[in-house]
Amino acid sequence: MAERYTVRNTVFESGERFPLLLDARTGMPLFDPTVFVISEFRARNRASATIEQVLRALKVTHKIIQRGTLATCSTAAKGANVKSGVQAA
């Protein structure tokens, strides 16, 4: 099975390296993870290797959410069990 997400390093004209979490099918960066690493890590001058590791962790999280084994914020707030879809009492 092919990977749905991939982390790739982009090199800007200035020579700066910036990793991105991409949808492997379209080649487009995922918006939310990109905004997160820019605002939380790049803004604090973290190394590109650190940002890459954060994106790899987010990649795993996205895979778990896709499989339905982790409640997202919206389903957790509703009290629903992701696997059964049953509302908590």
C-alpha atoms as a PDB file:
ATOM      1  CA  MET A   1       0.000   0.000   0.000  1.00  0.00           C
ATOM      2  CA  ALA A   2       1.358   3.396  -0.978  1.00  0.00           C
ATOM      3  CA  GLU A   3       1.872   6.065   1.645  1.00  0.00           C
ATOM      4  CA  ARG A   4      -0.783   8.777   1.618  1.00  0.00           C
ATOM      5  CA  TYR A   5       1.459  11.400   3.239  1.00  0.00           C
ATOM      6  CA  THR A   6       5.125  12.155   2.843  1.00  0.00           C
ATOM      7  CA  VAL A   7       7.603  14.640   4.318  1.00  0.00           C
ATOM      8  CA  ARG A   8       9.810  16.432   1.818  1.00  0.00           C
ATOM      9  CA  ASN A   9      12.433  19.124   2.262  1.00  0.00           C
ATOM     10  CA  THR A  10      12.061  22.242   0.163  1.00  0.00           C
ATOM     11  CA  VAL A  11      15.107  24.430  -0.454  1.00  0.00           C
ATOM     12  CA  PHE A  12      14.370  28.107  -1.047  1.00  0.00           C
ATOM     13  CA  GLU A  13      16.524  30.343  -3.258  1.00  0.00           C
ATOM     14  CA  SER A  14      18.104  31.760  -0.098  1.00  0.00           C
ATOM     15  CA  GLY A  15      19.321  28.248   0.758  1.00  0.00           C
ATOM     16  CA  GLU A  16      16.908  27.824   3.657  1.00  0.00           C
ATOM     17  CA  ARG A  17      15.580  24.294   4.036  1.00  0.00           C
ATOM     18  CA  PHE A  18      11.954  23.897   5.005  1.00  0.00           C
ATOM     19  CA  PRO A  19      10.249  20.508   5.382  1.00  0.00           C
ATOM     20  CA  LEU A  20       6.620  20.097   4.331  1.00  0.00           C
ATOM     21  CA  LEU A  21       4.033  17.389   4.949  1.00  0.00           C
ATOM     22  CA  LEU A  22       2.582  16.588   1.532  1.00  0.00           C
ATOM     23  CA  ASP A  23      -0.396  14.628   0.301  1.00  0.00           C
ATOM     24  CA  ALA A  24       1.454  12.058  -1.823  1.00  0.00           C
ATOM     25  CA  ARG A  25      -1.437  11.767  -4.286  1.00  0.00           C
ATOM     26  CA  THR A  26      -1.561  15.462  -5.171  1.00  0.00           C
ATOM     27  CA  GLY A  27       1.868  16.703  -4.124  1.00  0.00           C
ATOM     28  CA  MET A  28       0.227  19.574  -2.244  1.00  0.00           C
ATOM     29  CA  PRO A  29       1.279  20.516   1.293  1.00  0.00           C
ATOM     30  CA  LEU A  30      -1.280  19.956   4.039  1.00  0.00           C
ATOM     31  CA  PHE A  31      -2.460  23.357   5.229  1.00  0.00           C
ATOM     32  CA  ASP A  32      -2.929  22.855   8.987  1.00  0.00           C
ATOM     33  CA  PRO A  33       0.398  21.104   9.689  1.00  0.00           C
ATOM     34  CA  THR A  34       2.216  23.747   7.630  1.00  0.00           C
ATOM     35  CA  VAL A  35       0.634  26.618   9.548  1.00  0.00           C
ATOM     36  CA  PHE A  36       1.351  24.834  12.832  1.00  0.00           C
ATOM     37  CA  VAL A  37       5.077  24.333  12.207  1.00  0.00           C
ATOM     38  CA  ILE A  38       5.492  27.856  10.830  1.00  0.00           C
ATOM     39  CA  SER A  39       3.803  29.494  13.805  1.00  0.00           C
ATOM     40  CA  GLU A  40       5.118  27.225  16.558  1.00  0.00           C
ATOM     41  CA  PHE A  41       8.565  26.086  15.413  1.00  0.00           C
ATOM     42  CA  ARG A  42       9.909  28.205  12.582  1.00  0.00           C
ATOM     43  CA  ALA A  43       8.906  31.389  14.416  1.00  0.00           C
ATOM     44  CA  ARG A  44      11.096  30.197  17.290  1.00  0.00           C
ATOM     45  CA  ASN A  45      14.065  29.577  14.962  1.00  0.00           C
ATOM     46  CA  ARG A  46      14.012  25.803  15.352  1.00  0.00           C
ATOM     47  CA  ALA A  47      16.224  23.752  13.051  1.00  0.00           C
ATOM     48  CA  SER A  48      14.752  22.216   9.908  1.00  0.00           C
ATOM     49  CA  ALA A  49      15.521  18.756  11.339  1.00  0.00           C
ATOM     50  CA  THR A  50      13.337  19.573  14.355  1.00  0.00           C
ATOM     51  CA  ILE A  51      10.495  20.734  12.108  1.00  0.00           C
ATOM     52  CA  GLU A  52      10.897  17.572  10.035  1.00  0.00           C
ATOM     53  CA  GLN A  53      10.512  15.384  13.133  1.00  0.00           C
ATOM     54  CA  VAL A  54       7.385  17.281  14.176  1.00  0.00           C
ATOM     55  CA  LEU A  55       5.917  16.755  10.697  1.00  0.00           C
ATOM     56  CA  ARG A  56       6.729  13.033  10.841  1.00  0.00           C
ATOM     57  CA  ALA A  57       4.840  12.812  14.143  1.00  0.00           C
ATOM     58  CA  LEU A  58       1.899  14.654  12.569  1.00  0.00           C
ATOM     59  CA  LYS A  59       2.050  12.236   9.632  1.00  0.00           C
ATOM     60  CA  VAL A  60       1.569   9.304  12.010  1.00  0.00           C
ATOM     61  CA  THR A  61      -1.255  11.154  13.771  1.00  0.00           C
ATOM     62  CA  HIS A  62      -3.011  11.762  10.445  1.00  0.00           C
ATOM     63  CA  LYS A  63      -2.723   8.059   9.595  1.00  0.00           C
ATOM     64  CA  ILE A  64      -4.233   7.060  12.949  1.00  0.00           C
ATOM     65  CA  ILE A  65      -7.122   9.509  12.526  1.00  0.00           C
ATOM     66  CA  GLN A  66      -7.776   8.175   9.003  1.00  0.00           C
ATOM     67  CA  ARG A  67      -8.052   4.633  10.331  1.00  0.00           C
ATOM     68  CA  GLY A  68     -10.615   5.831  12.862  1.00  0.00           C
ATOM     69  CA  THR A  69      -8.676   4.706  15.922  1.00  0.00           C
ATOM     70  CA  LEU A  70      -8.258   8.167  17.457  1.00  0.00           C
ATOM     71  CA  ALA A  71     -11.059  10.523  18.344  1.00  0.00           C
ATOM     72  CA  THR A  72     -10.765  13.933  16.770  1.00  0.00           C
ATOM     73  CA  CYS A  73     -11.611  16.987  18.832  1.00  0.00           C
ATOM     74  CA  SER A  74     -15.109  17.218  17.374  1.00  0.00           C
ATOM     75  CA  THR A  75     -16.007  13.580  18.042  1.00  0.00           C
ATOM     76  CA  ALA A  76     -14.450  13.679  21.502  1.00  0.00           C
ATOM     77  CA  ALA A  77     -16.415  16.834  22.336  1.00  0.00           C
ATOM     78  CA  LYS A  78     -19.641  15.066  21.330  1.00  0.00           C
ATOM     79  CA  GLY A  79     -18.697  12.110  23.524  1.00  0.00           C
ATOM     80  CA  ALA A  80     -18.950   9.694  20.606  1.00  0.00           C
ATOM     81  CA  ASN A  81     -16.891   6.531  20.379  1.00  0.00           C
ATOM     82  CA  VAL A  82     -15.105   6.663  17.016  1.00  0.00           C
ATOM     83  CA  LYS A  83     -15.213   2.930  16.276  1.00  0.00           C
ATOM     84  CA  SER A  84     -18.835   2.352  17.232  1.00  0.00           C
ATOM     85  CA  GLY A  85     -20.212   5.836  16.601  1.00  0.00           C
ATOM     86  CA  VAL A  86     -22.267   5.407  19.779  1.00  0.00           C
ATOM     87  CA  GLN A  87     -22.960   8.483  21.864  1.00  0.00           C
ATOM     88  CA  ALA A  88     -21.635   8.301  25.430  1.00  0.00           C
ATOM     89  CA  ALA A  89     -24.305   8.316  28.134  1.00  0.00           C
END
